[in-house]
Amino acid sequence: MGEPATLDEVRAWPALVPLSQAARALGIGRTTAFTLAARGEFPVPVVRTVGRRQKVRTADLVRYLEAHGGEPS
């Protein structure tokens, strides 16, 4: 999984990021992220783009992290 992204790193990301990248910001693994998204339980809204690609709005991630003290879940 690697080190979780810091809040400052997340703020510098593009407007939409892949679900796996959002998972890194939240400190959760890729498989867990996709499982949570499939159940509709990912901590922030997931946007479906072309095909089956799942992305997350960086602004939603930042709001979530700020509300939780800037720490991964």
PDB file of N, CA and C in Angstrom:
ATOM      1  N   MET A   1       0.826  -1.195   0.000  1.00  0.00           N
ATOM      2  CA  MET A   1       0.000   0.000   0.000  1.00  0.00           C
ATOM      3  C   MET A   1       0.866   1.253   0.000  1.00  0.00           C
ATOM      4  N   GLY A   2       2.005   1.238   0.678  1.00  0.00           N
ATOM      5  CA  GLY A   2       2.856   2.412   0.706  1.00  0.00           C
ATOM      6  C   GLY A   2       2.403   3.416   1.757  1.00  0.00           C
ATOM      7  N   GLU A   3       3.116   4.511   1.791  1.00  0.00           N
ATOM      8  CA  GLU A   3       2.792   5.568   2.747  1.00  0.00           C
ATOM      9  C   GLU A   3       1.542   6.325   2.299  1.00  0.00           C
ATOM     10  N   PRO A   4       0.647   6.641   3.250  1.00  0.00           N
ATOM     11  CA  PRO A   4      -0.512   7.465   2.883  1.00  0.00           C
ATOM     12  C   PRO A   4      -0.052   8.847   2.425  1.00  0.00           C
ATOM     13  N   ALA A   5      -0.799   9.435   1.515  1.00  0.00           N
ATOM     14  CA  ALA A   5      -0.496  10.784   1.045  1.00  0.00           C
ATOM     15  C   ALA A   5      -0.834  11.785   2.143  1.00  0.00           C
ATOM     16  N   THR A   6      -0.071  12.849   2.212  1.00  0.00           N
ATOM     17  CA  THR A   6      -0.370  13.901   3.180  1.00  0.00           C
ATOM     18  C   THR A   6      -1.470  14.796   2.621  1.00  0.00           C
ATOM     19  N   LEU A   7      -2.073  15.569   3.491  1.00  0.00           N
ATOM     20  CA  LEU A   7      -3.120  16.497   3.064  1.00  0.00           C
ATOM     21  C   LEU A   7      -2.562  17.499   2.059  1.00  0.00           C
ATOM     22  N   ASP A   8      -1.355  17.975   2.277  1.00  0.00           N
ATOM     23  CA  ASP A   8      -0.743  18.917   1.327  1.00  0.00           C
ATOM     24  C   ASP A   8      -0.525  18.267  -0.033  1.00  0.00           C
ATOM     25  N   GLU A   9      -0.119  17.000  -0.051  1.00  0.00           N
ATOM     26  CA  GLU A   9       0.047  16.294  -1.328  1.00  0.00           C
ATOM     27  C   GLU A   9      -1.294  16.168  -2.041  1.00  0.00           C
ATOM     28  N   VAL A  10      -2.322  15.808  -1.300  1.00  0.00           N
ATOM     29  CA  VAL A  10      -3.656  15.629  -1.894  1.00  0.00           C
ATOM     30  C   VAL A  10      -4.144  16.945  -2.490  1.00  0.00           C
ATOM     31  N   ARG A  11      -3.920  18.035  -1.801  1.00  0.00           N
ATOM     32  CA  ARG A  11      -4.356  19.349  -2.309  1.00  0.00           C
ATOM     33  C   ARG A  11      -3.717  19.677  -3.664  1.00  0.00           C
ATOM     34  N   ALA A  12      -2.544  19.124  -3.947  1.00  0.00           N
ATOM     35  CA  ALA A  12      -1.841  19.391  -5.200  1.00  0.00           C
ATOM     36  C   ALA A  12      -2.266  18.453  -6.337  1.00  0.00           C
ATOM     37  N   TRP A  13      -3.096  17.462  -6.039  1.00  0.00           N
ATOM     38  CA  TRP A  13      -3.526  16.504  -7.062  1.00  0.00           C
ATOM     39  C   TRP A  13      -4.496  17.154  -8.047  1.00  0.00           C
ATOM     40  N   PRO A  14      -4.662  16.548  -9.242  1.00  0.00           N
ATOM     41  CA  PRO A  14      -5.650  17.051 -10.203  1.00  0.00           C
ATOM     42  C   PRO A  14      -7.072  16.918  -9.648  1.00  0.00           C
ATOM     43  N   ALA A  15      -8.022  17.526 -10.315  1.00  0.00           N
ATOM     44  CA  ALA A  15      -9.412  17.570  -9.836  1.00  0.00           C
ATOM     45  C   ALA A  15     -10.029  16.190  -9.642  1.00  0.00           C
ATOM     46  N   LEU A  16      -9.711  15.238 -10.509  1.00  0.00           N
ATOM     47  CA  LEU A  16     -10.204  13.857 -10.393  1.00  0.00           C
ATOM     48  C   LEU A  16      -9.015  12.920 -10.321  1.00  0.00           C
ATOM     49  N   VAL A  17      -9.068  11.970  -9.386  1.00  0.00           N
ATOM     50  CA  VAL A  17      -7.987  10.991  -9.264  1.00  0.00           C
ATOM     51  C   VAL A  17      -8.568   9.581  -9.264  1.00  0.00           C
ATOM     52  N   PRO A  18      -7.775   8.598  -9.688  1.00  0.00           N
ATOM     53  CA  PRO A  18      -8.244   7.212  -9.660  1.00  0.00           C
ATOM     54  C   PRO A  18      -8.580   6.771  -8.233  1.00  0.00           C
ATOM     55  N   LEU A  19      -9.493   5.849  -8.134  1.00  0.00           N
ATOM     56  CA  LEU A  19      -9.907   5.329  -6.835  1.00  0.00           C
ATOM     57  C   LEU A  19      -8.712   4.808  -6.041  1.00  0.00           C
ATOM     58  N   SER A  20      -7.774   4.154  -6.698  1.00  0.00           N
ATOM     59  CA  SER A  20      -6.597   3.615  -5.999  1.00  0.00           C
ATOM     60  C   SER A  20      -5.746   4.729  -5.389  1.00  0.00           C
ATOM     61  N   GLN A  21      -5.671   5.863  -6.049  1.00  0.00           N
ATOM     62  CA  GLN A  21      -4.917   6.999  -5.522  1.00  0.00           C
ATOM     63  C   GLN A  21      -5.658   7.609  -4.325  1.00  0.00           C
ATOM     64  N   ALA A  22      -6.972   7.699  -4.425  1.00  0.00           N
ATOM     65  CA  ALA A  22      -7.776   8.201  -3.304  1.00  0.00           C
ATOM     66  C   ALA A  22      -7.617   7.284  -2.099  1.00  0.00           C
ATOM     67  N   ALA A  23      -7.553   5.987  -2.349  1.00  0.00           N
ATOM     68  CA  ALA A  23      -7.371   5.027  -1.260  1.00  0.00           C
ATOM     69  C   ALA A  23      -6.069   5.299  -0.528  1.00  0.00           C
ATOM     70  N   ARG A  24      -5.033   5.633  -1.269  1.00  0.00           N
ATOM     71  CA  ARG A  24      -3.740   5.953  -0.651  1.00  0.00           C
ATOM     72  C   ARG A  24      -3.874   7.132   0.294  1.00  0.00           C
ATOM     73  N   ALA A  25      -4.632   8.145  -0.106  1.00  0.00           N
ATOM     74  CA  ALA A  25      -4.830   9.322   0.751  1.00  0.00           C
ATOM     75  C   ALA A  25      -5.563   8.950   2.033  1.00  0.00           C
ATOM     76  N   LEU A  26      -6.407   7.933   1.946  1.00  0.00           N
ATOM     77  CA  LEU A  26      -7.195   7.511   3.106  1.00  0.00           C
ATOM     78  C   LEU A  26      -6.495   6.431   3.926  1.00  0.00           C
ATOM     79  N   GLY A  27      -5.360   5.957   3.429  1.00  0.00           N
ATOM     80  CA  GLY A  27      -4.609   4.942   4.165  1.00  0.00           C
ATOM     81  C   GLY A  27      -5.231   3.565   4.091  1.00  0.00           C
ATOM     82  N   ILE A  28      -5.960   3.290   3.003  1.00  0.00           N
ATOM     83  CA  ILE A  28      -6.556   1.963   2.829  1.00  0.00           C
ATOM     84  C   ILE A  28      -5.999   1.321   1.559  1.00  0.00           C
ATOM     85  N   GLY A  29      -6.059   0.031   1.491  1.00  0.00           N
ATOM     86  CA  GLY A  29      -5.539  -0.697   0.340  1.00  0.00           C
ATOM     87  C   GLY A  29      -6.449  -0.606  -0.875  1.00  0.00           C
ATOM     88  N   ARG A  30      -5.867  -0.892  -2.019  1.00  0.00           N
ATOM     89  CA  ARG A  30      -6.594  -0.832  -3.286  1.00  0.00           C
ATOM     90  C   ARG A  30      -7.786  -1.788  -3.304  1.00  0.00           C
ATOM     91  N   THR A  31      -7.572  -3.024  -2.886  1.00  0.00           N
ATOM     92  CA  THR A  31      -8.651  -4.016  -2.896  1.00  0.00           C
ATOM     93  C   THR A  31      -9.791  -3.586  -1.982  1.00  0.00           C
ATOM     94  N   THR A  32      -9.447  -3.107  -0.801  1.00  0.00           N
ATOM     95  CA  THR A  32     -10.472  -2.622   0.132  1.00  0.00           C
ATOM     96  C   THR A  32     -11.233  -1.455  -0.480  1.00  0.00           C
ATOM     97  N   ALA A  33     -10.520  -0.551  -1.133  1.00  0.00           N
ATOM     98  CA  ALA A  33     -11.155   0.610  -1.754  1.00  0.00           C
ATOM     99  C   ALA A  33     -12.185   0.180  -2.793  1.00  0.00           C
ATOM    100  N   PHE A  34     -11.805  -0.759  -3.657  1.00  0.00           N
ATOM    101  CA  PHE A  34     -12.731  -1.196  -4.700  1.00  0.00           C
ATOM    102  C   PHE A  34     -13.912  -1.970  -4.106  1.00  0.00           C
ATOM    103  N   THR A  35     -13.666  -2.714  -3.047  1.00  0.00           N
ATOM    104  CA  THR A  35     -14.758  -3.422  -2.364  1.00  0.00           C
ATOM    105  C   THR A  35     -15.732  -2.422  -1.754  1.00  0.00           C
ATOM    106  N   LEU A  36     -15.201  -1.419  -1.058  1.00  0.00           N
ATOM    107  CA  LEU A  36     -16.060  -0.400  -0.449  1.00  0.00           C
ATOM    108  C   LEU A  36     -16.848   0.365  -1.519  1.00  0.00           C
ATOM    109  N   ALA A  37     -16.191   0.701  -2.626  1.00  0.00           N
ATOM    110  CA  ALA A  37     -16.865   1.423  -3.709  1.00  0.00           C
ATOM    111  C   ALA A  37     -17.998   0.582  -4.296  1.00  0.00           C
ATOM    112  N   ALA A  38     -17.756  -0.704  -4.470  1.00  0.00           N
ATOM    113  CA  ALA A  38     -18.785  -1.597  -5.023  1.00  0.00           C
ATOM    114  C   ALA A  38     -19.996  -1.680  -4.104  1.00  0.00           C
ATOM    115  N   ARG A  39     -19.759  -1.571  -2.800  1.00  0.00           N
ATOM    116  CA  ARG A  39     -20.850  -1.618  -1.817  1.00  0.00           C
ATOM    117  C   ARG A  39     -21.487  -0.247  -1.582  1.00  0.00           C
ATOM    118  N   GLY A  40     -20.914   0.793  -2.193  1.00  0.00           N
ATOM    119  CA  GLY A  40     -21.395   2.144  -1.957  1.00  0.00           C
ATOM    120  C   GLY A  40     -20.980   2.677  -0.598  1.00  0.00           C
ATOM    121  N   GLU A  41     -19.876   2.145  -0.051  1.00  0.00           N
ATOM    122  CA  GLU A  41     -19.427   2.503   1.291  1.00  0.00           C
ATOM    123  C   GLU A  41     -18.086   3.238   1.318  1.00  0.00           C
ATOM    124  N   PHE A  42     -17.572   3.640   0.152  1.00  0.00           N
ATOM    125  CA  PHE A  42     -16.322   4.386   0.142  1.00  0.00           C
ATOM    126  C   PHE A  42     -16.567   5.712   0.857  1.00  0.00           C
ATOM    127  N   PRO A  43     -15.613   6.187   1.669  1.00  0.00           N
ATOM    128  CA  PRO A  43     -15.849   7.372   2.507  1.00  0.00           C
ATOM    129  C   PRO A  43     -16.189   8.667   1.767  1.00  0.00           C
ATOM    130  N   VAL A  44     -15.836   8.767   0.501  1.00  0.00           N
ATOM    131  CA  VAL A  44     -16.186   9.945  -0.304  1.00  0.00           C
ATOM    132  C   VAL A  44     -16.878   9.470  -1.578  1.00  0.00           C
ATOM    133  N   PRO A  45     -17.681  10.332  -2.216  1.00  0.00           N
ATOM    134  CA  PRO A  45     -18.386   9.912  -3.441  1.00  0.00           C
ATOM    135  C   PRO A  45     -17.431   9.452  -4.542  1.00  0.00           C
ATOM    136  N   VAL A  46     -17.834   8.396  -5.217  1.00  0.00           N
ATOM    137  CA  VAL A  46     -17.054   7.839  -6.330  1.00  0.00           C
ATOM    138  C   VAL A  46     -17.775   8.197  -7.621  1.00  0.00           C
ATOM    139  N   VAL A  47     -17.006   8.693  -8.587  1.00  0.00           N
ATOM    140  CA  VAL A  47     -17.541   9.101  -9.882  1.00  0.00           C
ATOM    141  C   VAL A  47     -17.123   8.066 -10.914  1.00  0.00           C
ATOM    142  N   ARG A  48     -18.066   7.599 -11.690  1.00  0.00           N
ATOM    143  CA  ARG A  48     -17.722   6.680 -12.787  1.00  0.00           C
ATOM    144  C   ARG A  48     -17.448   7.515 -14.034  1.00  0.00           C
ATOM    145  N   THR A  49     -16.331   7.239 -14.671  1.00  0.00           N
ATOM    146  CA  THR A  49     -15.989   7.951 -15.895  1.00  0.00           C
ATOM    147  C   THR A  49     -16.178   6.989 -17.060  1.00  0.00           C
ATOM    148  N   VAL A  50     -15.477   7.205 -18.139  1.00  0.00           N
ATOM    149  CA  VAL A  50     -15.602   6.369 -19.328  1.00  0.00           C
ATOM    150  C   VAL A  50     -15.446   4.899 -18.951  1.00  0.00           C
ATOM    151  N   GLY A  51     -16.375   4.094 -19.403  1.00  0.00           N
ATOM    152  CA  GLY A  51     -16.314   2.667 -19.100  1.00  0.00           C
ATOM    153  C   GLY A  51     -16.572   2.412 -17.628  1.00  0.00           C
ATOM    154  N   ARG A  52     -15.729   1.580 -17.034  1.00  0.00           N
ATOM    155  CA  ARG A  52     -15.914   1.205 -15.627  1.00  0.00           C
ATOM    156  C   ARG A  52     -14.933   1.908 -14.700  1.00  0.00           C
ATOM    157  N   ARG A  53     -14.205   2.859 -15.218  1.00  0.00           N
ATOM    158  CA  ARG A  53     -13.215   3.566 -14.392  1.00  0.00           C
ATOM    159  C   ARG A  53     -13.904   4.334 -13.273  1.00  0.00           C
ATOM    160  N   GLN A  54     -13.310   4.248 -12.107  1.00  0.00           N
ATOM    161  CA  GLN A  54     -13.867   4.935 -10.953  1.00  0.00           C
ATOM    162  C   GLN A  54     -12.879   5.987 -10.482  1.00  0.00           C
ATOM    163  N   LYS A  55     -13.382   7.179 -10.299  1.00  0.00           N
ATOM    164  CA  LYS A  55     -12.534   8.289  -9.868  1.00  0.00           C
ATOM    165  C   LYS A  55     -13.179   8.967  -8.665  1.00  0.00           C
ATOM    166  N   VAL A  56     -12.378   9.787  -8.008  1.00  0.00           N
ATOM    167  CA  VAL A  56     -12.827  10.534  -6.840  1.00  0.00           C
ATOM    168  C   VAL A  56     -12.420  11.990  -7.039  1.00  0.00           C
ATOM    169  N   ARG A  57     -13.313  12.904  -6.673  1.00  0.00           N
ATOM    170  CA  ARG A  57     -12.987  14.324  -6.748  1.00  0.00           C
ATOM    171  C   ARG A  57     -12.006  14.662  -5.620  1.00  0.00           C
ATOM    172  N   THR A  58     -10.923  15.301  -5.982  1.00  0.00           N
ATOM    173  CA  THR A  58      -9.919  15.683  -4.990  1.00  0.00           C
ATOM    174  C   THR A  58     -10.529  16.602  -3.939  1.00  0.00           C
ATOM    175  N   ALA A  59     -11.414  17.495  -4.340  1.00  0.00           N
ATOM    176  CA  ALA A  59     -12.051  18.408  -3.383  1.00  0.00           C
ATOM    177  C   ALA A  59     -12.809  17.628  -2.306  1.00  0.00           C
ATOM    178  N   ASP A  60     -13.473  16.529  -2.693  1.00  0.00           N
ATOM    179  CA  ASP A  60     -14.184  15.696  -1.719  1.00  0.00           C
ATOM    180  C   ASP A  60     -13.210  15.034  -0.752  1.00  0.00           C
ATOM    181  N   LEU A  61     -12.081  14.578  -1.288  1.00  0.00           N
ATOM    182  CA  LEU A  61     -11.044  13.968  -0.439  1.00  0.00           C
ATOM    183  C   LEU A  61     -10.494  14.971   0.570  1.00  0.00           C
ATOM    184  N   VAL A  62     -10.214  16.168   0.090  1.00  0.00           N
ATOM    185  CA  VAL A  62      -9.668  17.204   0.968  1.00  0.00           C
ATOM    186  C   VAL A  62     -10.663  17.514   2.083  1.00  0.00           C
ATOM    187  N   ARG A  63     -11.932  17.687   1.730  1.00  0.00           N
ATOM    188  CA  ARG A  63     -12.961  17.956   2.754  1.00  0.00           C
ATOM    189  C   ARG A  63     -13.019  16.836   3.782  1.00  0.00           C
ATOM    190  N   TYR A  64     -12.980  15.596   3.309  1.00  0.00           N
ATOM    191  CA  TYR A  64     -13.033  14.452   4.218  1.00  0.00           C
ATOM    192  C   TYR A  64     -11.827  14.455   5.157  1.00  0.00           C
ATOM    193  N   LEU A  65     -10.636  14.633   4.590  1.00  0.00           N
ATOM    194  CA  LEU A  65      -9.421  14.617   5.399  1.00  0.00           C
ATOM    195  C   LEU A  65      -9.399  15.781   6.389  1.00  0.00           C
ATOM    196  N   GLU A  66      -9.852  16.948   5.971  1.00  0.00           N
ATOM    197  CA  GLU A  66      -9.903  18.100   6.882  1.00  0.00           C
ATOM    198  C   GLU A  66     -10.881  17.834   8.035  1.00  0.00           C
ATOM    199  N   ALA A  67     -11.996  17.210   7.725  1.00  0.00           N
ATOM    200  CA  ALA A  67     -13.003  16.915   8.755  1.00  0.00           C
ATOM    201  C   ALA A  67     -12.503  15.863   9.747  1.00  0.00           C
ATOM    202  N   HIS A  68     -11.530  15.068   9.319  1.00  0.00           N
ATOM    203  CA  HIS A  68     -10.991  14.015  10.169  1.00  0.00           C
ATOM    204  C   HIS A  68      -9.563  14.331  10.624  1.00  0.00           C
ATOM    205  N   GLY A  69      -9.264  15.601  10.741  1.00  0.00           N
ATOM    206  CA  GLY A  69      -7.971  16.027  11.268  1.00  0.00           C
ATOM    207  C   GLY A  69      -6.797  15.857  10.318  1.00  0.00           C
ATOM    208  N   GLY A  70      -7.082  15.681   9.032  1.00  0.00           N
ATOM    209  CA  GLY A  70      -6.012  15.532   8.051  1.00  0.00           C
ATOM    210  C   GLY A  70      -5.303  14.201   8.093  1.00  0.00           C
ATOM    211  N   GLU A  71      -5.832  13.281   8.871  1.00  0.00           N
ATOM    212  CA  GLU A  71      -5.217  11.964   9.010  1.00  0.00           C
ATOM    213  C   GLU A  71      -5.955  10.936   8.174  1.00  0.00           C
ATOM    214  N   PRO A  72      -5.248   9.947   7.634  1.00  0.00           N
ATOM    215  CA  PRO A  72      -5.919   8.851   6.942  1.00  0.00           C
ATOM    216  C   PRO A  72      -6.843   8.108   7.894  1.00  0.00           C
ATOM    217  N   SER A  73      -7.861   7.482   7.341  1.00  0.00           N
ATOM    218  CA  SER A  73      -8.817   6.745   8.192  1.00  0.00           C
ATOM    219  C   SER A  73      -8.239   5.465   8.732  1.00  0.00           C
TER     220      SER A  73
END
